Amino acid sequence: MRDRRGEERARIARSYVVALTRTLALQAALGGPYIVTNGMDIRQILEILPHRFPLLLIDRILELEPMVRARGYKNVTYNEPVFTGHFPSNPLLPGVYMLEAMAQLGGCVVMEPGEFARKTPYLAGIDHAKFRRPVIPGDRLMMEVRLTRHRRNIGWVEAEASVDGEYVCSAELMFSIAPDPRVYGAEASVLTA
């Protein structure tokens, strides 16, 4: 009788070796780990995220270390379309927008550097979301995400957002990483990944 658990463990070990080999080769080619420490402006962000106005919710990435962590921010302005209805006399950034902004930054973390052009991270789950205070126009939503787990095409991050050093939102986010339909066509969807 075949030892299926042993075969599965061996397959997982081989996949880790392949991933580590790719990462080390990439680091050698780049002269070190792929780390962005001088920031990414909006043009560079548009190259790696599929989101566009009005739902691109990151203005700048300050630091990015794929498969480890990232820091970035969203400048909240009164010109955001959401404020026409939420709420006209007392504008508040909806909590789902804070979660989406953290998810966009988290999507950059769960991707290996070579995957940005070929794959897309999709938000697949939100756990333990907490909102501590309102975010209003004029605030800068500072975000930090850290990878906590990664397995095959699924990644988990812890995300926190603050305004002026005061925490406003936190959550654990799960991502499904699938082939980018812009590259592979419509048949490459989240459901077939």
Foldseek 3Di string as FASTA:
>chain_A
DDDVVVVVVVVQVVVVVVVVVVQVVVQVVVVHAPKDQQKDAPVRLVLQAVDDPPLQFFGIWRMARAQFKTKGKGQAACPRPVQVVCPVVFHFDDPVSVVSNQVSRVQRRPDDPVCSVWKGKDWDDKPDKDFDDTDGHRWMWMKMKTWDDHDDQKTKIWMWIDTPPHTGIIIIIMIGMWTDCVPVNPVGDSVVD
